[in-house]
């Protein structure tokens, strides 16, 4: 589950003498992957179903949430293979095709998730700040088209993963996309991933959530406790993004910069000694996003919590189980129009 690298160049032959510390952090990483799988798999299975119900009700935001849950679920299906790979000391026991496919799923999941998180924040921002103007623009079919475009662009952009020699684990050293070599192509790719896949989305998340907070602060239709809930969710969205994706992309950027100064690594094994272990830890942090997304974006929604309670009531066959009162919803009135913010995530039904 490591970054795409290119063919070996003369300047990277040193890697045979610079063996990365594969044993460092092995057990914590395996435990982290296992914990994410145990928490994330049932949570995403549940939210795929719950968000599908919202999609069938013509909910605009539900499209993004359903796609996000499905994307996370697909990635979680590869975690047992990555955990086994790390547990074996970074030796890939399966075919090269399996290595390339799991690497492809990893990269797709990361960047599809990032772009969908941007869509969710932008949709909430438009619905809250421009509620009246957006009524005719926020259509479910638009959300479907945007989601399909994101999936197709990211999936197409990562097709080269299947041609990389570093994915030929069965024919080589048994390593699957290890980062101990670099090249001009990969360096440019890392710059692009940092700028397009991390920096721009981070700015979007900060701007949109700040706009939501400013609108909530001015609102007279929310109680102080409700404003606090919205504020906590907005902060949590940005903090989670930074925790999960900032370490990985910062290390990619540093790795790309170091490539331009080969004298720093010549005979020193600088990357292997100082950055390889933090790099593997950053990969582990990126997986946490798949387990937390259902709780942060889906299960915090008042509408979806109601659906969950109704489902539990049917399963248990008890009338005592009631959906939470609608009075617990957060409401703001930016333009004399009441908008259900639903614990900070805007999931009201729109006509499609």
Protein backbone atom coordinates (compact mmCIF):
# COMPACT_ATOMS: atom_id res chain seq x y z
CA UNK A 1 0.00 0.00 0.00
CA UNK A 2 2.81 2.30 -0.96
CA UNK A 3 3.28 5.04 -3.54
CA UNK A 4 3.60 4.27 -7.20
CA UNK A 5 7.22 4.21 -8.29
CA UNK A 6 8.75 3.94 -11.70
CA UNK A 7 11.39 1.78 -13.25
CA UNK A 8 14.81 1.73 -11.63
CA UNK A 9 17.23 4.40 -12.78
CA UNK A 10 21.01 4.45 -12.28
CA UNK A 11 20.66 6.91 -9.44
CA UNK A 12 18.41 4.48 -7.50
CA UNK A 13 20.68 1.42 -7.62
CA UNK A 14 21.78 2.38 -4.11
CA UNK A 15 18.47 0.94 -2.85
CA UNK A 16 20.00 -2.53 -2.81
CA UNK A 17 22.41 -1.33 -0.11
CA UNK A 18 19.79 0.71 1.67
CA UNK A 19 17.33 -1.76 3.13
CA UNK A 20 14.32 -0.03 4.70
CA UNK A 21 13.51 -1.00 8.31
CA UNK A 22 10.59 -3.26 7.38
CA UNK A 23 10.27 -4.59 10.93
CA UNK A 24 9.80 -1.17 12.53
CA UNK A 25 6.18 -0.50 13.43
CA UNK A 26 5.01 -3.79 11.96
CA UNK A 27 2.83 -4.92 14.88
CA UNK A 28 1.15 -1.53 15.52
CA UNK A 29 0.39 -1.21 11.80
CA UNK A 30 -1.18 -4.68 11.62
CA UNK A 31 -3.24 -3.89 14.72
CA UNK A 32 -4.35 -0.57 13.22
CA UNK A 33 -5.44 -2.22 9.96
CA UNK A 34 -7.32 -4.87 11.93
CA UNK A 35 -9.09 -2.29 14.11
CA UNK A 36 -10.09 -0.19 11.09
CA UNK A 37 -11.49 -3.31 9.42
CA UNK A 38 -13.45 -4.41 12.50
CA UNK A 39 -14.99 -0.95 12.97
CA UNK A 40 -15.25 0.20 9.38
CA UNK A 41 -16.70 -2.90 7.71
CA UNK A 42 -20.00 -3.11 9.66
CA UNK A 43 -20.30 0.69 9.84
CA UNK A 44 -19.98 1.08 6.07
CA UNK A 45 -22.26 -1.88 5.35
CA UNK A 46 -24.91 -0.20 7.49
CA UNK A 47 -24.42 3.23 5.98
CA UNK A 48 -24.49 1.94 2.40
CA UNK A 49 -28.01 0.72 3.13
CA UNK A 50 -29.09 3.82 5.06
CA UNK A 51 -27.77 6.29 2.50
CA UNK A 52 -29.37 4.27 -0.30
CA UNK A 53 -32.73 4.92 1.37
CA UNK A 54 -31.94 8.63 1.27
CA UNK A 55 -30.99 8.41 -2.40
CA UNK A 56 -34.33 6.76 -3.19
CA UNK A 57 -36.00 9.73 -1.49
CA UNK A 58 -34.28 12.08 -3.95
CA UNK A 59 -31.83 13.34 -1.34
CA UNK A 60 -29.02 15.26 -3.04
CA UNK A 61 -26.38 14.87 -0.34
CA UNK A 62 -27.30 11.20 0.01
CA UNK A 63 -25.73 10.54 -3.41
CA UNK A 64 -22.31 11.71 -2.22
CA UNK A 65 -22.64 9.90 1.11
CA UNK A 66 -23.69 6.64 -0.56
CA UNK A 67 -20.77 6.82 -3.01
CA UNK A 68 -18.37 7.61 -0.16
CA UNK A 69 -19.56 4.61 1.88
CA UNK A 70 -19.34 2.30 -1.13
CA UNK A 71 -15.84 3.55 -1.90
CA UNK A 72 -14.69 3.01 1.69
CA UNK A 73 -16.27 -0.44 1.74
CA UNK A 74 -14.37 -1.44 -1.41
CA UNK A 75 -11.09 -0.36 0.11
CA UNK A 76 -11.76 -2.10 3.42
CA UNK A 77 -12.07 -5.34 1.47
CA UNK A 78 -8.34 -5.11 0.64
CA UNK A 79 -7.17 -4.45 4.23
CA UNK A 80 -6.71 -8.14 5.13
CA UNK A 81 -4.20 -8.45 2.26
CA UNK A 82 -2.30 -5.35 3.34
CA UNK A 83 -2.25 -6.47 6.97
CA UNK A 84 -0.90 -9.87 5.93
CA UNK A 85 1.71 -8.20 3.71
CA UNK A 86 2.96 -6.02 6.57
CA UNK A 87 2.81 -8.94 9.00
CA UNK A 88 5.10 -10.97 6.72
CA UNK A 89 7.73 -8.25 6.83
CA UNK A 90 6.54 -6.56 3.63
CA UNK A 91 6.69 -9.71 1.52
CA UNK A 92 3.83 -10.16 -0.95
CA UNK A 93 2.69 -13.82 -1.01
CA UNK A 94 0.18 -13.48 -3.88
CA UNK A 95 0.42 -12.77 -7.58
CA UNK A 96 1.67 -9.58 -9.18
CA UNK A 97 -1.83 -8.98 -10.54
CA UNK A 98 -3.20 -9.02 -6.99
CA UNK A 99 -0.52 -6.53 -5.90
CA UNK A 100 -1.38 -4.15 -8.74
CA UNK A 101 -5.12 -4.47 -8.19
CA UNK A 102 -4.94 -3.77 -4.45
CA UNK A 103 -2.60 -0.84 -5.09
CA UNK A 104 -5.02 0.48 -7.69
CA UNK A 105 -7.94 0.20 -5.25
CA UNK A 106 -5.92 1.98 -2.56
CA UNK A 107 -5.09 5.00 -4.71
CA UNK A 108 -8.60 5.21 -6.14
CA UNK A 109 -10.20 5.04 -2.70
CA UNK A 110 -7.96 7.74 -1.26
CA UNK A 111 -8.59 10.31 -3.96
CA UNK A 112 -12.21 9.48 -4.71
CA UNK A 113 -12.87 9.83 -0.98
CA UNK A 114 -11.02 13.15 -0.81
CA UNK A 115 -12.94 14.61 -3.75
CA UNK A 116 -16.27 13.31 -2.41
CA UNK A 117 -15.52 14.95 0.95
CA UNK A 118 -15.05 18.20 -0.97
CA UNK A 119 -18.39 17.67 -2.73
CA UNK A 120 -20.13 17.07 0.60
CA UNK A 121 -18.71 20.23 2.15
CA UNK A 122 -19.45 22.32 -0.95
CA UNK A 123 -23.02 21.01 -1.11
CA UNK A 124 -23.61 21.80 2.56
CA UNK A 125 -22.11 25.26 2.08
CA UNK A 126 -24.34 26.07 -0.91
CA UNK A 127 -27.45 24.67 0.82
CA UNK A 128 -26.84 26.69 3.98
CA UNK A 129 -25.38 29.96 2.73
CA UNK A 130 -27.29 30.20 -0.58
CA UNK A 131 -30.43 28.31 0.38
CA UNK A 132 -32.89 30.25 -1.79
CA UNK A 133 -30.66 30.58 -4.85
CA UNK A 134 -29.67 26.91 -4.71
CA UNK A 135 -33.18 25.45 -4.69
CA UNK A 136 -33.33 25.10 -8.45
CA UNK A 137 -29.67 24.13 -8.83
CA UNK A 138 -29.22 21.36 -6.28
CA UNK A 139 -30.55 18.41 -8.25
CA UNK A 140 -29.91 14.76 -7.59
CA UNK A 141 -28.99 14.10 -11.21
CA UNK A 142 -26.29 16.77 -10.93
CA UNK A 143 -24.85 14.99 -7.89
CA UNK A 144 -24.89 11.67 -9.77
CA UNK A 145 -23.08 13.18 -12.76
CA UNK A 146 -20.46 14.83 -10.54
CA UNK A 147 -19.86 11.57 -8.67
CA UNK A 148 -19.51 9.58 -11.89
CA UNK A 149 -17.09 12.18 -13.27
CA UNK A 150 -14.93 11.95 -10.14
CA UNK A 151 -14.84 8.15 -10.25
CA UNK A 152 -14.00 8.05 -13.96
CA UNK A 153 -11.28 10.70 -13.75
CA UNK A 154 -9.56 9.15 -10.73
CA UNK A 155 -9.88 5.60 -12.06
CA UNK A 156 -8.49 6.60 -15.45
CA UNK A 157 -5.66 8.60 -13.92
CA UNK A 158 -4.44 5.58 -11.97
CA UNK A 159 -4.50 3.03 -14.79
CA UNK A 160 -0.68 3.33 -15.10
CA UNK A 161 -0.49 1.47 -11.78
CA UNK A 162 -1.02 -1.74 -13.77
CA UNK A 163 2.10 -1.07 -15.86
CA UNK A 164 4.48 -0.27 -13.01
CA UNK A 165 7.33 -2.70 -12.50
CA UNK A 166 7.13 -2.13 -8.75
CA UNK A 167 3.80 -3.97 -8.80
CA UNK A 168 5.43 -7.11 -10.23
CA UNK A 169 5.91 -8.53 -6.74
CA UNK A 170 5.90 -12.18 -7.82
CA UNK A 171 8.66 -11.66 -10.38
CA UNK A 172 10.92 -9.47 -8.24
CA UNK A 173 11.89 -9.15 -4.61
CA UNK A 174 8.38 -9.79 -3.32
CA UNK A 175 7.85 -6.11 -2.46
CA UNK A 176 4.56 -4.47 -3.45
CA UNK A 177 4.91 -0.76 -4.36
CA UNK A 178 7.62 0.08 -1.85
CA UNK A 179 8.76 3.73 -1.85
CA UNK A 180 12.52 3.22 -1.69
CA UNK A 181 13.07 4.22 -5.32
CA UNK A 182 12.08 7.32 -7.23
CA UNK A 183 12.25 8.80 -10.72
CA UNK A 184 11.39 12.03 -12.54
CA UNK A 185 7.99 10.61 -13.50
CA UNK A 186 7.11 9.60 -9.96
CA UNK A 187 8.44 12.89 -8.57
CA UNK A 188 6.12 14.85 -10.87
CA UNK A 189 3.27 12.50 -9.93
CA UNK A 190 3.91 13.17 -6.23
CA UNK A 191 3.86 16.93 -6.76
CA UNK A 192 0.52 16.60 -8.55
CA UNK A 193 -0.95 14.41 -5.82
CA UNK A 194 0.11 16.88 -3.14
CA UNK A 195 -1.33 19.91 -4.97
CA UNK A 196 -4.47 18.45 -6.58
CA UNK A 197 -5.21 15.60 -4.19
CA UNK A 198 -4.47 17.35 -0.90
CA UNK A 199 -3.76 21.09 -0.88
CA UNK A 200 -6.68 22.24 -3.05
CA UNK A 201 -9.20 19.96 -1.26
CA UNK A 202 -7.91 21.19 2.11
CA UNK A 203 -8.48 24.81 1.09
CA UNK A 204 -12.00 23.94 -0.10
CA UNK A 205 -12.83 22.22 3.19
CA UNK A 206 -11.51 25.15 5.24
CA UNK A 207 -13.35 27.80 3.19
CA UNK A 208 -16.69 25.98 3.03
CA UNK A 209 -16.77 24.97 6.69
CA UNK A 210 -15.73 28.46 7.73
CA UNK A 211 -18.62 29.83 5.66
CA UNK A 212 -21.05 27.45 7.35
CA UNK A 213 -19.78 28.46 10.79
CA UNK A 214 -20.09 32.17 9.96
CA UNK A 215 -23.67 31.66 8.79
CA UNK A 216 -24.56 29.68 11.91
CA UNK A 217 -23.02 32.34 14.15
CA UNK A 218 -25.27 35.00 12.62
CA UNK A 219 -28.39 32.83 12.85
CA UNK A 220 -31.08 33.72 15.37
CA UNK A 221 -32.98 30.46 14.84
CA UNK A 222 -30.45 28.22 16.58
CA UNK A 223 -29.95 27.68 20.27
CA UNK A 224 -26.41 27.92 21.63
CA UNK A 225 -26.19 24.17 22.10
CA UNK A 226 -27.17 23.58 18.49
CA UNK A 227 -24.56 26.03 17.29
CA UNK A 228 -21.95 24.18 19.32
CA UNK A 229 -22.88 20.91 17.60
CA UNK A 230 -22.50 22.48 14.17
CA UNK A 231 -19.20 24.04 15.19
CA UNK A 232 -17.82 20.77 16.52
CA UNK A 233 -18.75 18.91 13.36
CA UNK A 234 -17.18 21.52 11.08
CA UNK A 235 -13.95 21.47 13.07
CA UNK A 236 -13.97 17.67 13.17
CA UNK A 237 -14.25 17.49 9.37
CA UNK A 238 -11.11 19.58 8.85
CA UNK A 239 -9.16 17.96 11.70
CA UNK A 240 -9.98 14.45 10.47
CA UNK A 241 -8.84 15.36 6.98
CA UNK A 242 -5.54 16.70 8.32
CA UNK A 243 -4.91 13.72 10.59
CA UNK A 244 -5.68 11.14 7.90
CA UNK A 245 -4.13 12.72 4.82
CA UNK A 246 -1.65 15.45 5.80
CA UNK A 247 1.21 13.17 7.02
CA UNK A 248 1.07 11.01 3.90
CA UNK A 249 1.06 13.91 1.44
CA UNK A 250 3.66 15.95 3.31
CA UNK A 251 6.04 12.99 3.16
CA UNK A 252 5.29 12.61 -0.56
CA UNK A 253 6.21 16.27 -1.01
CA UNK A 254 9.43 15.93 0.98
CA UNK A 255 10.32 12.80 -0.98
CA UNK A 256 9.78 14.68 -4.25
CA UNK A 257 11.95 17.60 -3.11
CA UNK A 258 14.76 15.30 -1.96
CA UNK A 259 14.85 13.77 -5.43
CA UNK A 260 16.28 17.05 -6.77
CA UNK A 261 19.20 16.83 -4.32
CA UNK A 262 20.75 13.37 -4.88
CA UNK A 263 23.85 14.39 -2.91
CA UNK A 264 21.72 14.31 0.25
CA UNK A 265 21.00 10.62 -0.17
CA UNK A 266 24.20 9.42 -1.80
CA UNK A 267 25.67 6.85 0.55
CA UNK A 268 23.51 8.00 3.47
CA UNK A 269 20.24 6.08 2.97
CA UNK A 270 18.50 9.24 4.18
CA UNK A 271 14.97 8.22 3.22
CA UNK A 272 15.26 4.66 4.54
CA UNK A 273 16.74 5.77 7.86
CA UNK A 274 14.59 8.79 8.62
CA UNK A 275 11.35 8.66 6.62
CA UNK A 276 10.38 5.08 5.83
CA UNK A 277 8.83 4.26 9.22
CA UNK A 278 6.92 7.59 9.43
CA UNK A 279 5.77 6.92 5.89
CA UNK A 280 4.26 3.53 6.75
CA UNK A 281 2.59 5.10 9.79
CA UNK A 282 1.10 7.81 7.56
CA UNK A 283 -0.38 5.09 5.36
CA UNK A 284 -2.00 3.57 8.40
CA UNK A 285 -3.46 6.93 9.39
CA UNK A 286 -5.00 7.31 5.94
CA UNK A 287 -7.04 4.14 6.50
CA UNK A 288 -8.72 5.60 9.61
CA UNK A 289 -10.76 7.83 7.34
CA UNK A 290 -12.68 4.79 6.03
CA UNK A 291 -13.81 3.84 9.53
CA UNK A 292 -14.67 7.33 10.78
CA UNK A 293 -16.56 8.62 7.73
CA UNK A 294 -19.78 6.68 8.51
CA UNK A 295 -19.95 8.12 12.03
CA UNK A 296 -18.95 11.65 11.13
CA UNK A 297 -20.98 12.15 7.96
CA UNK A 298 -23.77 9.58 8.03
CA UNK A 299 -24.72 8.44 11.50
CA UNK A 300 -24.63 12.07 12.72
CA UNK A 301 -27.47 12.86 10.30
CA UNK A 302 -30.83 13.18 12.01
CA UNK A 303 -32.75 11.76 9.04
CA UNK A 304 -30.54 8.69 8.88
CA UNK A 305 -30.73 8.17 12.63
CA UNK A 306 -34.52 8.12 12.24
CA UNK A 307 -34.23 5.47 9.54
CA UNK A 308 -32.00 3.43 11.86
CA UNK A 309 -34.49 3.65 14.71
CA UNK A 310 -37.35 2.64 12.43
CA UNK A 311 -35.36 -0.35 11.24
CA UNK A 312 -34.55 -1.38 14.81
CA UNK A 313 -38.20 -1.03 15.74
CA UNK A 314 -39.22 -3.37 12.93
CA UNK A 315 -36.53 -5.90 13.78
CA UNK A 316 -37.24 -5.87 17.49
CA UNK A 317 -40.98 -5.64 16.99
CA UNK A 318 -41.34 -3.13 19.80
CA UNK A 319 -43.40 0.03 19.62
CA UNK A 320 -41.34 1.51 22.41
CA UNK A 321 -38.51 2.25 20.02
CA UNK A 322 -39.23 5.67 18.59
CA UNK A 323 -37.23 7.87 16.21
CA UNK A 324 -35.51 10.82 17.89
CA UNK A 325 -37.69 13.91 18.11
CA UNK A 326 -37.37 16.33 15.25
CA UNK A 327 -36.87 19.05 17.83
CA UNK A 328 -33.28 17.84 18.15
CA UNK A 329 -32.49 19.00 14.65
CA UNK A 330 -30.30 22.00 14.19
CA UNK A 331 -32.03 24.77 12.28
CA UNK A 332 -30.72 27.93 10.77
CA UNK A 333 -32.57 30.71 9.01
CA UNK A 334 -30.16 32.49 6.67
CA UNK A 335 -32.88 33.90 4.40
CA UNK A 336 -36.11 33.55 6.34
CA UNK A 337 -36.12 29.94 5.18
CA UNK A 338 -35.75 27.17 7.74
CA UNK A 339 -33.03 24.68 6.77
CA UNK A 340 -32.51 21.42 8.60
CA UNK A 341 -28.80 21.16 9.22
CA UNK A 342 -29.21 17.76 10.87
CA UNK A 343 -26.40 17.90 13.37
CA UNK A 344 -24.30 19.88 10.96
CA UNK A 345 -24.64 17.70 7.87
CA UNK A 346 -27.21 19.05 5.45
CA UNK A 347 -29.38 16.15 4.29
CA UNK A 348 -32.82 17.55 3.53
CA UNK A 349 -34.72 15.99 0.67
CA UNK A 350 -34.61 17.91 -2.60
CA UNK A 351 -36.90 17.41 -5.54
CA UNK A 352 -34.91 15.83 -8.35
